[in-house]
Amino acid sequence: MVLYNLGRHTEAMELLLINLSDTTSDPAISEYGKAIRFYADKLDQTWT
């Protein structure tokens, strides 16, 4: 939340997503863990 409040939104989301994928016990999230980690540092990228 500090990173977000400092305007470092991308870094905040990356850390949030990595921590979520590493610590979740939710099977629905775990199923997408690899994808979540892959895209965590690519949120501003678009592919065509």
Protein backbone atom coordinates (compact mmCIF):
# COMPACT_ATOMS: atom_id res chain seq x y z
CA MET A 1 0.00 0.00 0.00
CA VAL A 2 2.92 2.33 0.64
CA LEU A 3 4.23 1.83 -2.89
CA TYR A 4 0.79 2.56 -4.29
CA ASN A 5 0.47 5.71 -2.18
CA LEU A 6 3.90 6.81 -3.41
CA GLY A 7 2.63 6.54 -6.99
CA ARG A 8 4.64 3.39 -7.69
CA HIS A 9 1.57 1.51 -8.91
CA THR A 10 3.31 -0.95 -11.23
CA GLU A 11 5.79 -2.05 -8.57
CA ALA A 12 3.01 -2.35 -6.00
CA MET A 13 0.93 -4.58 -8.29
CA GLU A 14 3.93 -6.73 -9.19
CA LEU A 15 4.69 -7.43 -5.52
CA LEU A 16 1.03 -8.02 -4.77
CA LEU A 17 0.62 -10.54 -7.58
CA ILE A 18 3.85 -12.41 -6.78
CA ASN A 19 2.94 -12.65 -3.09
CA LEU A 20 -0.59 -13.75 -3.95
CA SER A 21 0.62 -16.51 -6.25
CA ASP A 22 3.29 -17.65 -3.76
CA THR A 23 1.09 -17.77 -0.67
CA THR A 24 -2.45 -18.59 -1.78
CA SER A 25 -4.25 -21.71 -0.71
CA ASP A 26 -7.08 -21.01 -3.15
CA PRO A 27 -7.06 -23.69 -5.86
CA ALA A 28 -8.57 -21.32 -8.45
CA ILE A 29 -5.68 -18.87 -7.98
CA SER A 30 -3.06 -21.62 -7.72
CA GLU A 31 -4.20 -22.96 -11.07
CA TYR A 32 -3.06 -19.69 -12.67
CA GLY A 33 0.04 -19.20 -10.49
CA LYS A 34 2.53 -19.51 -13.35
CA ALA A 35 0.60 -17.06 -15.50
CA ILE A 36 0.19 -14.60 -12.63
CA ARG A 37 3.93 -14.67 -11.93
CA PHE A 38 4.75 -14.34 -15.65
CA TYR A 39 2.56 -11.28 -16.15
CA ALA A 40 3.31 -9.64 -12.77
CA ASP A 41 6.12 -7.52 -14.21
CA LYS A 42 4.49 -7.07 -17.62
CA LEU A 43 1.26 -5.28 -16.66
CA ASP A 44 1.95 -2.30 -18.90
CA GLN A 45 2.82 -4.41 -21.96
CA THR A 46 0.36 -5.25 -24.70
CA TRP A 47 0.64 -7.95 -27.31
CA THR A 48 -1.07 -7.87 -30.67
